[in-house]
Amino acid sequence: MPLPCKLTTTLAALSLSVASGFFAASAQADTLRVGMSGGYFPFTFVEQDELKGFEVDVMNAVGEITGDEIEFVTASFSGLAGMLESGRIDTIANQITITPEREAKYVFTSPYVYDGAQVVVRAGNDTIESVEDLSGKSVAVNLGSNYEQLLREQPNADEIDIRTYESNIEQDVALGRVEAFVMDRVSATQVIKEKGLPLELAGQPFSTIENALPFRDDEAGREQRDRVDAALSELRENGELREISEKWFNTDITQP
């Protein structure tokens, strides 16, 4: 999932005048440092040295409303939380699921993606059709994601061989090195469609997830959260958030 070293892309955002005047008080644009892995297709990925994806488009659209300069900082997914807590970035746009543990540490925007935790297997593996069938099986999850915790909350958790990966969980399942992996259903569907790997979804999602942008729980972080949250609300109301979703997924994943 992570890119070697750090790929930092700075995109100048346009200052727009909002009819309601809500952002008129923001006379000076700030720099909003947005952390992401650059390796979670199609939300954030690099193609021909260009950072692309749903998250990139959403944050650029946010910057157009708030007047902030959006600076993308890529790093290993497992290191993004530490970067946020140490002040090296201001938020993480990498499909961060709201959990009680994270809510105790960060302040979140309203959810902007609604999804489900999905089991994925090698094509033709009919021994796994649900999370209940993972007993005695090896299952890969991305290090630092919430999917490991979701699996450990299952009644059969003690019988699942959970293995954490920095990247390439889909390749190892396709090659038969592990028997299944878990990620969000939207990403899993796109990986199968775009990468041509011999994979298939195993049954229906076993947990509903809501993803949002986390900020530090201090005065500056809460102010940033409020500004970005208001921009996301405007993008939802004017239809642009839906359009970005349909561009990448051919469906609207931004509504519950």
C-alpha atoms as a PDB file:
ATOM      1  CA  MET A   1       0.000   0.000   0.000  1.00  0.00           C
ATOM      2  CA  PRO A   2       2.655   2.648   0.829  1.00  0.00           C
ATOM      3  CA  LEU A   3       4.758   4.460  -1.724  1.00  0.00           C
ATOM      4  CA  PRO A   4       8.525   4.523  -1.308  1.00  0.00           C
ATOM      5  CA  CYS A   5       9.675   7.654   0.459  1.00  0.00           C
ATOM      6  CA  LYS A   6       7.170  10.512   0.345  1.00  0.00           C
ATOM      7  CA  LEU A   7       5.336  11.780  -2.649  1.00  0.00           C
ATOM      8  CA  THR A   8       3.978  15.215  -1.798  1.00  0.00           C
ATOM      9  CA  THR A   9       1.668  16.928  -4.189  1.00  0.00           C
ATOM     10  CA  THR A  10       0.560  20.467  -3.584  1.00  0.00           C
ATOM     11  CA  LEU A  11      -2.444  21.678  -5.477  1.00  0.00           C
ATOM     12  CA  ALA A  12      -3.481  25.286  -5.321  1.00  0.00           C
ATOM     13  CA  ALA A  13      -7.177  25.541  -4.529  1.00  0.00           C
ATOM     14  CA  LEU A  14      -9.392  28.285  -5.850  1.00  0.00           C
ATOM     15  CA  SER A  15     -11.109  30.717  -3.513  1.00  0.00           C
ATOM     16  CA  LEU A  16     -14.802  30.748  -4.283  1.00  0.00           C
ATOM     17  CA  SER A  17     -17.397  33.166  -3.038  1.00  0.00           C
ATOM     18  CA  VAL A  18     -20.189  31.306  -1.263  1.00  0.00           C
ATOM     19  CA  ALA A  19     -23.621  32.847  -1.619  1.00  0.00           C
ATOM     20  CA  SER A  20     -24.503  32.243   1.995  1.00  0.00           C
ATOM     21  CA  GLY A  21     -21.411  34.096   3.123  1.00  0.00           C
ATOM     22  CA  PHE A  22     -20.514  31.271   5.484  1.00  0.00           C
ATOM     23  CA  PHE A  23     -16.877  31.263   4.369  1.00  0.00           C
ATOM     24  CA  ALA A  24     -16.568  35.000   3.907  1.00  0.00           C
ATOM     25  CA  ALA A  25     -14.813  35.208   7.255  1.00  0.00           C
ATOM     26  CA  SER A  26     -11.983  33.047   5.927  1.00  0.00           C
ATOM     27  CA  ALA A  27     -10.146  35.909   4.281  1.00  0.00           C
ATOM     28  CA  GLN A  28      -6.816  34.103   4.386  1.00  0.00           C
ATOM     29  CA  ALA A  29      -6.370  30.670   2.918  1.00  0.00           C
ATOM     30  CA  ASP A  30      -4.665  28.045   5.056  1.00  0.00           C
ATOM     31  CA  THR A  31      -2.721  25.008   3.932  1.00  0.00           C
ATOM     32  CA  LEU A  32      -4.569  21.791   4.732  1.00  0.00           C
ATOM     33  CA  ARG A  33      -2.130  18.872   4.831  1.00  0.00           C
ATOM     34  CA  VAL A  34      -3.981  15.727   3.822  1.00  0.00           C
ATOM     35  CA  GLY A  35      -2.382  12.350   4.499  1.00  0.00           C
ATOM     36  CA  MET A  36      -3.102   9.305   2.335  1.00  0.00           C
ATOM     37  CA  SER A  37      -1.375   6.104   1.310  1.00  0.00           C
ATOM     38  CA  GLY A  38      -1.520   6.545  -2.452  1.00  0.00           C
ATOM     39  CA  GLY A  39      -2.070   2.806  -2.660  1.00  0.00           C
ATOM     40  CA  TYR A  40      -5.753   2.147  -2.028  1.00  0.00           C
ATOM     41  CA  PHE A  41      -7.342   1.951  -5.459  1.00  0.00           C
ATOM     42  CA  PRO A  42      -9.568   3.647  -6.509  1.00  0.00           C
ATOM     43  CA  PHE A  43      -9.718   5.959  -3.510  1.00  0.00           C
ATOM     44  CA  THR A  44      -6.072   7.053  -3.639  1.00  0.00           C
ATOM     45  CA  PHE A  45      -3.454   5.753  -6.064  1.00  0.00           C
ATOM     46  CA  VAL A  46      -0.612   6.883  -8.307  1.00  0.00           C
ATOM     47  CA  GLU A  47      -0.757   6.578 -12.072  1.00  0.00           C
ATOM     48  CA  GLN A  48       2.094   7.853 -14.235  1.00  0.00           C
ATOM     49  CA  ASP A  49       3.496   9.776 -11.242  1.00  0.00           C
ATOM     50  CA  GLU A  50       0.149  11.521 -10.670  1.00  0.00           C
ATOM     51  CA  LEU A  51      -1.843  11.103  -7.467  1.00  0.00           C
ATOM     52  CA  LYS A  52      -5.450  10.279  -8.353  1.00  0.00           C
ATOM     53  CA  GLY A  53      -8.642   8.875  -6.925  1.00  0.00           C
ATOM     54  CA  PHE A  54     -11.935   9.571  -5.231  1.00  0.00           C
ATOM     55  CA  GLU A  55     -10.273  11.001  -2.112  1.00  0.00           C
ATOM     56  CA  VAL A  56      -8.086  13.328  -4.184  1.00  0.00           C
ATOM     57  CA  ASP A  57     -11.085  14.705  -6.071  1.00  0.00           C
ATOM     58  CA  VAL A  58     -13.124  15.150  -2.885  1.00  0.00           C
ATOM     59  CA  MET A  59     -10.378  17.047  -1.076  1.00  0.00           C
ATOM     60  CA  ASN A  60      -9.680  19.262  -4.091  1.00  0.00           C
ATOM     61  CA  ALA A  61     -13.396  20.098  -4.201  1.00  0.00           C
ATOM     62  CA  VAL A  62     -13.321  20.896  -0.477  1.00  0.00           C
ATOM     63  CA  GLY A  63     -10.392  23.254  -1.060  1.00  0.00           C
ATOM     64  CA  GLU A  64     -12.250  25.056  -3.820  1.00  0.00           C
ATOM     65  CA  ILE A  65     -14.987  25.912  -1.325  1.00  0.00           C
ATOM     66  CA  THR A  66     -12.892  26.726   1.750  1.00  0.00           C
ATOM     67  CA  GLY A  67     -10.111  28.502  -0.113  1.00  0.00           C
ATOM     68  CA  ASP A  68      -7.538  26.246   1.535  1.00  0.00           C
ATOM     69  CA  GLU A  69      -4.447  25.104  -0.327  1.00  0.00           C
ATOM     70  CA  ILE A  70      -4.622  21.300  -0.328  1.00  0.00           C
ATOM     71  CA  GLU A  71      -1.256  19.602   0.215  1.00  0.00           C
ATOM     72  CA  PHE A  72      -1.291  15.831  -0.250  1.00  0.00           C
ATOM     73  CA  VAL A  73       1.265  13.870   1.772  1.00  0.00           C
ATOM     74  CA  THR A  74       1.625  10.159   1.030  1.00  0.00           C
ATOM     75  CA  ALA A  75       3.017   7.634   3.491  1.00  0.00           C
ATOM     76  CA  SER A  76       2.456   4.097   4.707  1.00  0.00           C
ATOM     77  CA  PHE A  77      -1.158   3.700   5.815  1.00  0.00           C
ATOM     78  CA  SER A  78      -0.080   2.302   9.178  1.00  0.00           C
ATOM     79  CA  GLY A  79       1.923   5.477   9.844  1.00  0.00           C
ATOM     80  CA  LEU A  80      -0.760   8.030   8.995  1.00  0.00           C
ATOM     81  CA  ALA A  81      -2.367   8.075  12.448  1.00  0.00           C
ATOM     82  CA  GLY A  82       0.966   8.868  14.076  1.00  0.00           C
ATOM     83  CA  MET A  83       1.559  11.654  11.571  1.00  0.00           C
ATOM     84  CA  LEU A  84      -1.843  13.143  12.415  1.00  0.00           C
ATOM     85  CA  GLU A  85      -1.243  12.944  16.153  1.00  0.00           C
ATOM     86  CA  SER A  86       2.229  14.507  15.869  1.00  0.00           C
ATOM     87  CA  GLY A  87       0.959  17.405  13.754  1.00  0.00           C
ATOM     88  CA  ARG A  88       2.751  16.488  10.533  1.00  0.00           C
ATOM     89  CA  ILE A  89      -0.595  16.300   8.715  1.00  0.00           C
ATOM     90  CA  ASP A  90      -3.990  17.828   9.498  1.00  0.00           C
ATOM     91  CA  THR A  91      -6.307  15.001   8.435  1.00  0.00           C
ATOM     92  CA  ILE A  92      -6.352  11.602   6.711  1.00  0.00           C
ATOM     93  CA  ALA A  93      -8.311  10.968   3.504  1.00  0.00           C
ATOM     94  CA  ASN A  94      -7.959   7.209   3.172  1.00  0.00           C
ATOM     95  CA  GLN A  95     -11.376   5.757   3.966  1.00  0.00           C
ATOM     96  CA  ILE A  96     -11.046   6.101   7.730  1.00  0.00           C
ATOM     97  CA  THR A  97     -13.916   4.269   9.412  1.00  0.00           C
ATOM     98  CA  ILE A  98     -15.492   5.854  12.471  1.00  0.00           C
ATOM     99  CA  THR A  99     -14.989   3.582  15.481  1.00  0.00           C
ATOM    100  CA  PRO A 100     -15.413   4.230  19.243  1.00  0.00           C
ATOM    101  CA  GLU A 101     -11.643   3.935  19.700  1.00  0.00           C
ATOM    102  CA  ARG A 102     -10.960   6.556  17.051  1.00  0.00           C
ATOM    103  CA  GLU A 103     -13.720   8.846  18.292  1.00  0.00           C
ATOM    104  CA  ALA A 104     -11.971   8.878  21.667  1.00  0.00           C
ATOM    105  CA  LYS A 105      -8.839  10.307  20.010  1.00  0.00           C
ATOM    106  CA  TYR A 106     -10.043  12.431  17.085  1.00  0.00           C
ATOM    107  CA  VAL A 107     -12.907  14.665  15.988  1.00  0.00           C
ATOM    108  CA  PHE A 108     -14.593  13.550  12.770  1.00  0.00           C
ATOM    109  CA  THR A 109     -16.529  15.196   9.985  1.00  0.00           C
ATOM    110  CA  SER A 110     -19.899  13.743   9.095  1.00  0.00           C
ATOM    111  CA  PRO A 111     -19.562  10.498   7.090  1.00  0.00           C
ATOM    112  CA  TYR A 112     -19.027  10.999   3.372  1.00  0.00           C
ATOM    113  CA  VAL A 113     -18.810   7.311   2.391  1.00  0.00           C
ATOM    114  CA  TYR A 114     -21.092   4.453   3.456  1.00  0.00           C
ATOM    115  CA  ASP A 115     -19.861   0.933   2.818  1.00  0.00           C
ATOM    116  CA  GLY A 116     -19.554  -2.578   4.241  1.00  0.00           C
ATOM    117  CA  ALA A 117     -16.792  -4.961   5.317  1.00  0.00           C
ATOM    118  CA  GLN A 118     -16.440  -7.633   2.636  1.00  0.00           C
ATOM    119  CA  VAL A 119     -14.745 -11.042   2.537  1.00  0.00           C
ATOM    120  CA  VAL A 120     -12.958 -11.727  -0.780  1.00  0.00           C
ATOM    121  CA  VAL A 121     -11.582 -15.096  -1.936  1.00  0.00           C
ATOM    122  CA  ARG A 122      -9.794 -16.595  -4.917  1.00  0.00           C
ATOM    123  CA  ALA A 123     -12.239 -17.285  -7.740  1.00  0.00           C
ATOM    124  CA  GLY A 124     -13.660 -20.783  -7.491  1.00  0.00           C
ATOM    125  CA  ASN A 125     -13.159 -21.098  -3.719  1.00  0.00           C
ATOM    126  CA  ASP A 126     -16.631 -22.188  -2.645  1.00  0.00           C
ATOM    127  CA  THR A 127     -15.573 -23.168   0.882  1.00  0.00           C
ATOM    128  CA  ILE A 128     -15.985 -19.550   2.072  1.00  0.00           C
ATOM    129  CA  GLU A 129     -19.335 -17.841   1.605  1.00  0.00           C
ATOM    130  CA  SER A 130     -19.510 -15.741   4.789  1.00  0.00           C
ATOM    131  CA  VAL A 131     -17.461 -14.589   7.759  1.00  0.00           C
ATOM    132  CA  GLU A 132     -18.645 -17.678   9.636  1.00  0.00           C
ATOM    133  CA  ASP A 133     -16.744 -19.827   7.125  1.00  0.00           C
ATOM    134  CA  LEU A 134     -13.410 -18.194   8.015  1.00  0.00           C
ATOM    135  CA  SER A 135     -12.822 -20.561  10.942  1.00  0.00           C
ATOM    136  CA  GLY A 136      -9.559 -22.395  10.346  1.00  0.00           C
ATOM    137  CA  LYS A 137      -8.719 -20.115   7.395  1.00  0.00           C
ATOM    138  CA  SER A 138      -5.936 -17.577   6.841  1.00  0.00           C
ATOM    139  CA  VAL A 139      -7.307 -14.070   6.286  1.00  0.00           C
ATOM    140  CA  ALA A 140      -5.336 -10.972   5.271  1.00  0.00           C
ATOM    141  CA  VAL A 141      -6.123  -7.405   6.355  1.00  0.00           C
ATOM    142  CA  ASN A 142      -4.253  -4.144   5.829  1.00  0.00           C
ATOM    143  CA  LEU A 143      -2.106  -3.137   8.799  1.00  0.00           C
ATOM    144  CA  GLY A 144      -3.679  -0.227  10.668  1.00  0.00           C
ATOM    145  CA  SER A 145      -7.133  -0.712   9.151  1.00  0.00           C
ATOM    146  CA  ASN A 146     -10.229  -1.431  11.228  1.00  0.00           C
ATOM    147  CA  TYR A 147     -10.855  -4.782   9.534  1.00  0.00           C
ATOM    148  CA  GLU A 148      -8.619  -6.682  11.939  1.00  0.00           C
ATOM    149  CA  GLN A 149     -10.725  -5.383  14.837  1.00  0.00           C
ATOM    150  CA  LEU A 150     -13.943  -6.266  13.029  1.00  0.00           C
ATOM    151  CA  LEU A 151     -12.705  -9.827  12.581  1.00  0.00           C
ATOM    152  CA  ARG A 152     -11.641 -10.068  16.231  1.00  0.00           C
ATOM    153  CA  GLU A 153     -15.164  -9.101  17.254  1.00  0.00           C
ATOM    154  CA  GLN A 154     -16.669 -12.105  15.457  1.00  0.00           C
ATOM    155  CA  PRO A 155     -17.819 -15.117  17.522  1.00  0.00           C
ATOM    156  CA  ASN A 156     -15.318 -17.349  15.704  1.00  0.00           C
ATOM    157  CA  ALA A 157     -12.409 -14.877  15.988  1.00  0.00           C
ATOM    158  CA  ASP A 158     -10.187 -17.308  17.914  1.00  0.00           C
ATOM    159  CA  GLU A 159     -10.429 -19.755  15.019  1.00  0.00           C
ATOM    160  CA  ILE A 160      -9.354 -17.263  12.306  1.00  0.00           C
ATOM    161  CA  ASP A 161      -5.692 -16.921  11.313  1.00  0.00           C
ATOM    162  CA  ILE A 162      -5.565 -13.134  10.864  1.00  0.00           C
ATOM    163  CA  ARG A 163      -2.509 -11.830   9.014  1.00  0.00           C
ATOM    164  CA  THR A 164      -1.683  -8.119   8.686  1.00  0.00           C
ATOM    165  CA  TYR A 165      -0.155  -6.695   5.498  1.00  0.00           C
ATOM    166  CA  GLU A 166       1.244  -3.326   4.517  1.00  0.00           C
ATOM    167  CA  SER A 167       0.113  -3.986   0.932  1.00  0.00           C
ATOM    168  CA  ASN A 168      -0.676  -6.593  -1.750  1.00  0.00           C
ATOM    169  CA  ILE A 169      -3.361  -8.500   0.131  1.00  0.00           C
ATOM    170  CA  GLU A 170      -5.309  -9.059  -3.081  1.00  0.00           C
ATOM    171  CA  GLN A 171      -2.270 -10.469  -4.896  1.00  0.00           C
ATOM    172  CA  ASP A 172      -1.531 -12.959  -2.121  1.00  0.00           C
ATOM    173  CA  VAL A 173      -5.106 -14.241  -2.135  1.00  0.00           C
ATOM    174  CA  ALA A 174      -5.047 -14.525  -5.927  1.00  0.00           C
ATOM    175  CA  LEU A 175      -1.790 -16.513  -5.658  1.00  0.00           C
ATOM    176  CA  GLY A 176      -3.191 -18.763  -2.935  1.00  0.00           C
ATOM    177  CA  ARG A 177      -0.787 -17.636  -0.217  1.00  0.00           C
ATOM    178  CA  VAL A 178      -3.726 -16.774   2.042  1.00  0.00           C
ATOM    179  CA  GLU A 179      -7.302 -17.924   1.669  1.00  0.00           C
ATOM    180  CA  ALA A 180      -9.195 -14.640   1.947  1.00  0.00           C
ATOM    181  CA  PHE A 181      -8.880 -10.949   2.629  1.00  0.00           C
ATOM    182  CA  VAL A 182     -11.238  -8.348   4.061  1.00  0.00           C
ATOM    183  CA  MET A 183     -11.659  -4.781   2.835  1.00  0.00           C
ATOM    184  CA  ASP A 184     -14.580  -2.500   2.040  1.00  0.00           C
ATOM    185  CA  ARG A 185     -16.994  -3.850  -0.563  1.00  0.00           C
ATOM    186  CA  VAL A 186     -16.645  -0.830  -2.863  1.00  0.00           C
ATOM    187  CA  SER A 187     -12.859  -1.142  -3.116  1.00  0.00           C
ATOM    188  CA  ALA A 188     -13.012  -4.926  -3.433  1.00  0.00           C
ATOM    189  CA  THR A 189     -15.457  -4.663  -6.325  1.00  0.00           C
ATOM    190  CA  GLN A 190     -13.252  -2.131  -8.115  1.00  0.00           C
ATOM    191  CA  VAL A 191     -10.083  -4.180  -7.544  1.00  0.00           C
ATOM    192  CA  ILE A 192     -11.736  -7.233  -9.118  1.00  0.00           C
ATOM    193  CA  LYS A 193     -13.047  -5.165 -12.022  1.00  0.00           C
ATOM    194  CA  GLU A 194      -9.932  -3.149 -12.799  1.00  0.00           C
ATOM    195  CA  LYS A 195      -7.000  -5.434 -11.929  1.00  0.00           C
ATOM    196  CA  GLY A 196      -8.234  -8.611 -13.583  1.00  0.00           C
ATOM    197  CA  LEU A 197      -7.185 -10.824 -10.678  1.00  0.00           C
ATOM    198  CA  PRO A 198      -8.940 -14.189 -10.155  1.00  0.00           C
ATOM    199  CA  LEU A 199     -10.956 -13.014  -7.146  1.00  0.00           C
ATOM    200  CA  GLU A 200     -14.606 -12.965  -6.135  1.00  0.00           C
ATOM    201  CA  LEU A 201     -16.775 -11.576  -3.354  1.00  0.00           C
ATOM    202  CA  ALA A 202     -17.747 -14.144  -0.733  1.00  0.00           C
ATOM    203  CA  GLY A 203     -21.363 -13.427   0.220  1.00  0.00           C
ATOM    204  CA  GLN A 204     -22.664 -10.124   1.540  1.00  0.00           C
ATOM    205  CA  PRO A 205     -20.874  -7.525   3.728  1.00  0.00           C
ATOM    206  CA  PHE A 206     -20.764  -8.590   7.372  1.00  0.00           C
ATOM    207  CA  SER A 207     -20.552  -5.108   8.892  1.00  0.00           C
ATOM    208  CA  THR A 208     -21.762  -1.645   7.892  1.00  0.00           C
ATOM    209  CA  ILE A 209     -19.083   1.042   8.010  1.00  0.00           C
ATOM    210  CA  GLU A 210     -19.186   4.840   7.841  1.00  0.00           C
ATOM    211  CA  ASN A 211     -16.060   6.688   6.738  1.00  0.00           C
ATOM    212  CA  ALA A 212     -15.136  10.267   7.568  1.00  0.00           C
ATOM    213  CA  LEU A 213     -12.181  12.660   7.924  1.00  0.00           C
ATOM    214  CA  PRO A 214     -10.440  12.706  11.338  1.00  0.00           C
ATOM    215  CA  PHE A 215      -8.818  15.791  12.872  1.00  0.00           C
ATOM    216  CA  ARG A 216      -6.869  16.368  16.070  1.00  0.00           C
ATOM    217  CA  ASP A 217      -9.078  17.033  19.074  1.00  0.00           C
ATOM    218  CA  ASP A 218      -7.762  20.489  19.884  1.00  0.00           C
ATOM    219  CA  GLU A 219      -8.939  24.006  19.107  1.00  0.00           C
ATOM    220  CA  ALA A 220      -7.187  24.213  15.736  1.00  0.00           C
ATOM    221  CA  GLY A 221      -8.276  20.704  14.754  1.00  0.00           C
ATOM    222  CA  ARG A 222     -11.903  21.341  15.642  1.00  0.00           C
ATOM    223  CA  GLU A 223     -11.868  24.570  13.622  1.00  0.00           C
ATOM    224  CA  GLN A 224     -10.469  22.715  10.621  1.00  0.00           C
ATOM    225  CA  ARG A 225     -13.028  19.943  11.073  1.00  0.00           C
ATOM    226  CA  ASP A 226     -15.910  22.409  11.158  1.00  0.00           C
ATOM    227  CA  ARG A 227     -14.698  24.207   8.026  1.00  0.00           C
ATOM    228  CA  VAL A 228     -14.203  20.985   6.065  1.00  0.00           C
ATOM    229  CA  ASP A 229     -17.461  19.508   7.328  1.00  0.00           C
ATOM    230  CA  ALA A 230     -19.386  22.544   6.110  1.00  0.00           C
ATOM    231  CA  ALA A 231     -17.726  22.197   2.706  1.00  0.00           C
ATOM    232  CA  LEU A 232     -18.656  18.501   2.516  1.00  0.00           C
ATOM    233  CA  SER A 233     -22.261  19.438   3.331  1.00  0.00           C
ATOM    234  CA  GLU A 234     -22.266  21.955   0.495  1.00  0.00           C
ATOM    235  CA  LEU A 235     -20.790  19.384  -1.904  1.00  0.00           C
ATOM    236  CA  ARG A 236     -23.515  16.940  -0.908  1.00  0.00           C
ATOM    237  CA  GLU A 237     -26.261  19.532  -1.361  1.00  0.00           C
ATOM    238  CA  ASN A 238     -25.062  20.797  -4.743  1.00  0.00           C
ATOM    239  CA  GLY A 239     -24.611  17.266  -6.094  1.00  0.00           C
ATOM    240  CA  GLU A 240     -20.852  17.446  -6.664  1.00  0.00           C
ATOM    241  CA  LEU A 241     -20.096  14.762  -4.063  1.00  0.00           C
ATOM    242  CA  ARG A 242     -22.463  12.396  -5.887  1.00  0.00           C
ATOM    243  CA  GLU A 243     -20.848  13.254  -9.230  1.00  0.00           C
ATOM    244  CA  ILE A 244     -17.360  12.446  -7.897  1.00  0.00           C
ATOM    245  CA  SER A 245     -18.642   9.115  -6.585  1.00  0.00           C
ATOM    246  CA  GLU A 246     -20.290   8.224  -9.869  1.00  0.00           C
ATOM    247  CA  LYS A 247     -17.094   9.124 -11.746  1.00  0.00           C
ATOM    248  CA  TRP A 248     -15.126   6.500  -9.822  1.00  0.00           C
ATOM    249  CA  PHE A 249     -17.737   3.873  -8.928  1.00  0.00           C
ATOM    250  CA  ASN A 250     -20.696   4.353 -11.297  1.00  0.00           C
ATOM    251  CA  THR A 251     -22.877   4.628  -8.192  1.00  0.00           C
ATOM    252  CA  ASP A 252     -23.389   6.964  -5.246  1.00  0.00           C
ATOM    253  CA  ILE A 253     -21.531   5.700  -2.172  1.00  0.00           C
ATOM    254  CA  THR A 254     -21.908   9.014  -0.348  1.00  0.00           C
ATOM    255  CA  GLN A 255     -25.439   8.415   0.917  1.00  0.00           C
ATOM    256  CA  PRO A 256     -26.496   5.867   3.575  1.00  0.00           C
END
